[in-house]
Amino acid sequence: MTLSAERELQHLGETRGCQDHDHDLVHELSRRLDSLWRYDQYIANAEWRENIKRFWVDMKRYEQENINRLKELIKEEIRSDCF
């Protein structure tokens, strides 16, 4: 790594607002919420292609389940004062 690149990255991660595993949960929740937000449009775009439309409907349902699971894990972390 070049000297300037080393300086750019030198202090990353020194200050953390939470543990890595909690950050990972929040980051993943955000990513999945963004995906969920798009599924209705994908479903509408596939209006005449039933197999594709069904795929997006299934993906939306799975994503909602994953989001709920992530929310529960975050709640558990907060309740146990680990967050």
N, C-alpha and C. Protein backbone atom coordinates (compact mmCIF):
# COMPACT_ATOMS: atom_id res chain seq x y z
N MET A 1 0.85 -1.17 0.00
CA MET A 1 0.00 0.00 0.00
C MET A 1 0.90 1.24 0.00
N THR A 2 0.49 2.24 -0.75
CA THR A 2 1.29 3.46 -0.82
C THR A 2 1.15 4.24 0.47
N LEU A 3 2.09 5.13 0.70
CA LEU A 3 2.10 5.93 1.92
C LEU A 3 0.83 6.78 2.05
N SER A 4 0.38 7.41 0.97
CA SER A 4 -0.83 8.25 1.05
C SER A 4 -2.06 7.39 1.33
N ALA A 5 -2.13 6.21 0.75
CA ALA A 5 -3.26 5.31 1.00
C ALA A 5 -3.25 4.84 2.45
N GLU A 6 -2.08 4.58 2.97
CA GLU A 6 -1.98 4.18 4.38
C GLU A 6 -2.48 5.28 5.29
N ARG A 7 -2.16 6.53 4.96
CA ARG A 7 -2.63 7.66 5.77
C ARG A 7 -4.14 7.81 5.69
N GLU A 8 -4.72 7.58 4.51
CA GLU A 8 -6.17 7.70 4.35
C GLU A 8 -6.91 6.70 5.23
N LEU A 9 -6.35 5.53 5.42
CA LEU A 9 -7.00 4.46 6.16
C LEU A 9 -6.51 4.32 7.59
N GLN A 10 -5.56 5.10 7.95
CA GLN A 10 -4.87 4.96 9.22
C GLN A 10 -5.80 4.99 10.43
N HIS A 11 -6.82 5.81 10.42
CA HIS A 11 -7.65 5.99 11.61
C HIS A 11 -9.05 5.39 11.48
N LEU A 12 -9.30 4.69 10.38
CA LEU A 12 -10.62 4.06 10.24
C LEU A 12 -10.83 3.03 11.32
N GLY A 13 -11.99 3.07 11.95
CA GLY A 13 -12.34 2.08 12.95
C GLY A 13 -11.87 2.39 14.35
N GLU A 14 -11.19 3.52 14.54
CA GLU A 14 -10.73 3.86 15.90
C GLU A 14 -11.91 4.17 16.81
N THR A 15 -12.90 4.86 16.29
CA THR A 15 -14.07 5.21 17.08
C THR A 15 -15.24 4.38 16.58
N ARG A 16 -15.82 3.62 17.49
CA ARG A 16 -16.94 2.76 17.11
C ARG A 16 -18.11 3.05 18.02
N GLY A 17 -19.29 3.14 17.43
CA GLY A 17 -20.49 3.41 18.20
C GLY A 17 -21.11 2.15 18.79
N CYS A 18 -20.67 0.99 18.31
CA CYS A 18 -21.20 -0.27 18.82
C CYS A 18 -20.24 -1.39 18.40
N GLN A 19 -20.50 -2.56 18.91
CA GLN A 19 -19.67 -3.73 18.58
C GLN A 19 -19.86 -4.09 17.10
N ASP A 20 -18.87 -4.74 16.53
CA ASP A 20 -18.92 -5.11 15.12
C ASP A 20 -20.17 -5.92 14.79
N HIS A 21 -20.51 -6.89 15.63
CA HIS A 21 -21.67 -7.74 15.31
C HIS A 21 -22.96 -6.95 15.33
N ASP A 22 -23.07 -5.94 16.18
CA ASP A 22 -24.27 -5.09 16.19
C ASP A 22 -24.30 -4.19 14.96
N HIS A 23 -23.16 -3.65 14.60
CA HIS A 23 -23.07 -2.85 13.38
C HIS A 23 -23.47 -3.69 12.17
N ASP A 24 -23.01 -4.93 12.13
CA ASP A 24 -23.35 -5.83 11.02
C ASP A 24 -24.86 -6.03 10.92
N LEU A 25 -25.51 -6.22 12.06
CA LEU A 25 -26.97 -6.40 12.07
C LEU A 25 -27.68 -5.17 11.52
N VAL A 26 -27.28 -4.00 11.98
CA VAL A 26 -27.92 -2.76 11.54
C VAL A 26 -27.64 -2.51 10.06
N HIS A 27 -26.43 -2.75 9.64
CA HIS A 27 -26.06 -2.57 8.23
C HIS A 27 -26.88 -3.50 7.34
N GLU A 28 -26.99 -4.74 7.75
CA GLU A 28 -27.75 -5.72 6.96
C GLU A 28 -29.23 -5.37 6.93
N LEU A 29 -29.76 -4.91 8.06
CA LEU A 29 -31.16 -4.48 8.09
C LEU A 29 -31.38 -3.35 7.08
N SER A 30 -30.51 -2.39 7.06
CA SER A 30 -30.62 -1.28 6.12
C SER A 30 -30.58 -1.76 4.68
N ARG A 31 -29.66 -2.66 4.39
CA ARG A 31 -29.53 -3.19 3.04
C ARG A 31 -30.80 -3.92 2.60
N ARG A 32 -31.33 -4.71 3.51
CA ARG A 32 -32.54 -5.48 3.17
C ARG A 32 -33.78 -4.60 3.08
N LEU A 33 -33.86 -3.55 3.89
CA LEU A 33 -34.97 -2.60 3.77
C LEU A 33 -34.95 -1.91 2.41
N ASP A 34 -33.76 -1.59 1.93
CA ASP A 34 -33.64 -1.01 0.60
C ASP A 34 -34.14 -1.97 -0.47
N SER A 35 -33.81 -3.24 -0.34
CA SER A 35 -34.29 -4.24 -1.29
C SER A 35 -35.80 -4.37 -1.24
N LEU A 36 -36.33 -4.45 -0.05
CA LEU A 36 -37.78 -4.60 0.12
C LEU A 36 -38.51 -3.44 -0.55
N TRP A 37 -37.97 -2.27 -0.44
CA TRP A 37 -38.56 -1.07 -1.00
C TRP A 37 -38.74 -1.18 -2.51
N ARG A 38 -37.88 -1.96 -3.18
CA ARG A 38 -37.91 -2.09 -4.64
C ARG A 38 -38.82 -3.21 -5.14
N TYR A 39 -39.15 -4.18 -4.31
CA TYR A 39 -39.85 -5.36 -4.80
C TYR A 39 -41.20 -5.06 -5.42
N ASP A 40 -41.96 -4.12 -4.91
CA ASP A 40 -43.26 -3.82 -5.51
C ASP A 40 -43.10 -3.34 -6.96
N GLN A 41 -42.05 -2.58 -7.21
CA GLN A 41 -41.80 -2.13 -8.59
C GLN A 41 -41.41 -3.31 -9.47
N TYR A 42 -40.57 -4.20 -8.94
CA TYR A 42 -40.18 -5.38 -9.71
C TYR A 42 -41.41 -6.23 -10.04
N ILE A 43 -42.30 -6.37 -9.08
CA ILE A 43 -43.52 -7.15 -9.30
C ILE A 43 -44.37 -6.50 -10.38
N ALA A 44 -44.52 -5.19 -10.32
CA ALA A 44 -45.29 -4.47 -11.34
C ALA A 44 -44.63 -4.59 -12.72
N ASN A 45 -43.32 -4.55 -12.76
CA ASN A 45 -42.61 -4.66 -14.04
C ASN A 45 -42.81 -6.03 -14.69
N ALA A 46 -43.07 -7.03 -13.90
CA ALA A 46 -43.22 -8.40 -14.41
C ALA A 46 -44.69 -8.78 -14.57
N GLU A 47 -45.54 -7.80 -14.68
CA GLU A 47 -47.00 -8.03 -14.70
C GLU A 47 -47.43 -9.14 -15.65
N TRP A 48 -46.85 -9.22 -16.83
CA TRP A 48 -47.28 -10.20 -17.83
C TRP A 48 -46.44 -11.47 -17.83
N ARG A 49 -45.45 -11.53 -16.95
CA ARG A 49 -44.59 -12.72 -16.88
C ARG A 49 -44.80 -13.39 -15.54
N GLU A 50 -45.77 -14.28 -15.48
CA GLU A 50 -46.22 -14.85 -14.20
C GLU A 50 -45.10 -15.53 -13.43
N ASN A 51 -44.22 -16.25 -14.09
CA ASN A 51 -43.14 -16.94 -13.37
C ASN A 51 -42.15 -15.94 -12.76
N ILE A 52 -41.88 -14.84 -13.46
CA ILE A 52 -40.99 -13.81 -12.91
C ILE A 52 -41.69 -13.06 -11.80
N LYS A 53 -42.96 -12.74 -12.02
CA LYS A 53 -43.74 -12.04 -10.99
C LYS A 53 -43.79 -12.87 -9.71
N ARG A 54 -44.03 -14.16 -9.83
CA ARG A 54 -44.08 -15.06 -8.67
C ARG A 54 -42.73 -15.09 -7.94
N PHE A 55 -41.65 -15.08 -8.72
CA PHE A 55 -40.31 -15.03 -8.12
C PHE A 55 -40.16 -13.79 -7.24
N TRP A 56 -40.55 -12.61 -7.77
CA TRP A 56 -40.42 -11.37 -6.99
C TRP A 56 -41.33 -11.36 -5.79
N VAL A 57 -42.51 -11.92 -5.91
CA VAL A 57 -43.43 -12.01 -4.76
C VAL A 57 -42.79 -12.89 -3.68
N ASP A 58 -42.21 -14.01 -4.08
CA ASP A 58 -41.53 -14.89 -3.12
C ASP A 58 -40.35 -14.19 -2.47
N MET A 59 -39.56 -13.48 -3.28
CA MET A 59 -38.40 -12.77 -2.74
C MET A 59 -38.84 -11.71 -1.73
N LYS A 60 -39.92 -11.02 -2.02
CA LYS A 60 -40.45 -10.01 -1.10
C LYS A 60 -40.83 -10.65 0.23
N ARG A 61 -41.50 -11.78 0.16
CA ARG A 61 -41.91 -12.48 1.38
C ARG A 61 -40.69 -12.93 2.19
N TYR A 62 -39.70 -13.52 1.51
CA TYR A 62 -38.49 -13.96 2.20
C TYR A 62 -37.77 -12.77 2.84
N GLU A 63 -37.73 -11.66 2.10
CA GLU A 63 -37.06 -10.48 2.62
C GLU A 63 -37.77 -9.95 3.85
N GLN A 64 -39.10 -9.95 3.83
CA GLN A 64 -39.85 -9.50 5.00
C GLN A 64 -39.56 -10.40 6.20
N GLU A 65 -39.45 -11.69 5.98
CA GLU A 65 -39.11 -12.62 7.06
C GLU A 65 -37.71 -12.33 7.60
N ASN A 66 -36.76 -12.11 6.70
CA ASN A 66 -35.39 -11.81 7.13
C ASN A 66 -35.32 -10.49 7.89
N ILE A 67 -36.07 -9.50 7.45
CA ILE A 67 -36.10 -8.21 8.13
C ILE A 67 -36.66 -8.38 9.54
N ASN A 68 -37.74 -9.12 9.66
CA ASN A 68 -38.32 -9.36 10.99
C ASN A 68 -37.34 -10.08 11.90
N ARG A 69 -36.63 -11.03 11.36
CA ARG A 69 -35.64 -11.77 12.15
C ARG A 69 -34.49 -10.85 12.60
N LEU A 70 -34.02 -10.01 11.68
CA LEU A 70 -32.97 -9.04 12.03
C LEU A 70 -33.45 -8.08 13.11
N LYS A 71 -34.68 -7.60 13.00
CA LYS A 71 -35.23 -6.70 14.01
C LYS A 71 -35.27 -7.37 15.38
N GLU A 72 -35.65 -8.63 15.41
CA GLU A 72 -35.69 -9.36 16.67
C GLU A 72 -34.29 -9.51 17.27
N LEU A 73 -33.32 -9.81 16.44
CA LEU A 73 -31.95 -9.94 16.93
C LEU A 73 -31.44 -8.61 17.49
N ILE A 74 -31.77 -7.51 16.83
CA ILE A 74 -31.36 -6.20 17.32
C ILE A 74 -32.06 -5.90 18.64
N LYS A 75 -33.34 -6.23 18.75
CA LYS A 75 -34.06 -6.04 20.01
C LYS A 75 -33.41 -6.84 21.14
N GLU A 76 -33.03 -8.09 20.85
CA GLU A 76 -32.37 -8.92 21.86
C GLU A 76 -31.06 -8.28 22.32
N GLU A 77 -30.30 -7.75 21.38
CA GLU A 77 -29.03 -7.09 21.72
C GLU A 77 -29.29 -5.88 22.62
N ILE A 78 -30.31 -5.11 22.31
CA ILE A 78 -30.63 -3.93 23.12
C ILE A 78 -31.10 -4.34 24.50
N ARG A 79 -32.00 -5.34 24.57
CA ARG A 79 -32.51 -5.81 25.86
C ARG A 79 -31.40 -6.35 26.75
N SER A 80 -30.41 -6.99 26.16
CA SER A 80 -29.33 -7.57 26.96
C SER A 80 -28.22 -6.55 27.21
N ASP A 81 -28.48 -5.31 26.85
CA ASP A 81 -27.55 -4.20 27.07
C ASP A 81 -26.21 -4.42 26.38
N CYS A 82 -26.25 -5.11 25.25
CA CYS A 82 -25.02 -5.35 24.47
C CYS A 82 -24.87 -4.36 23.33
N PHE A 83 -25.88 -3.59 23.07
CA PHE A 83 -25.86 -2.69 21.91
C PHE A 83 -25.19 -1.38 22.26
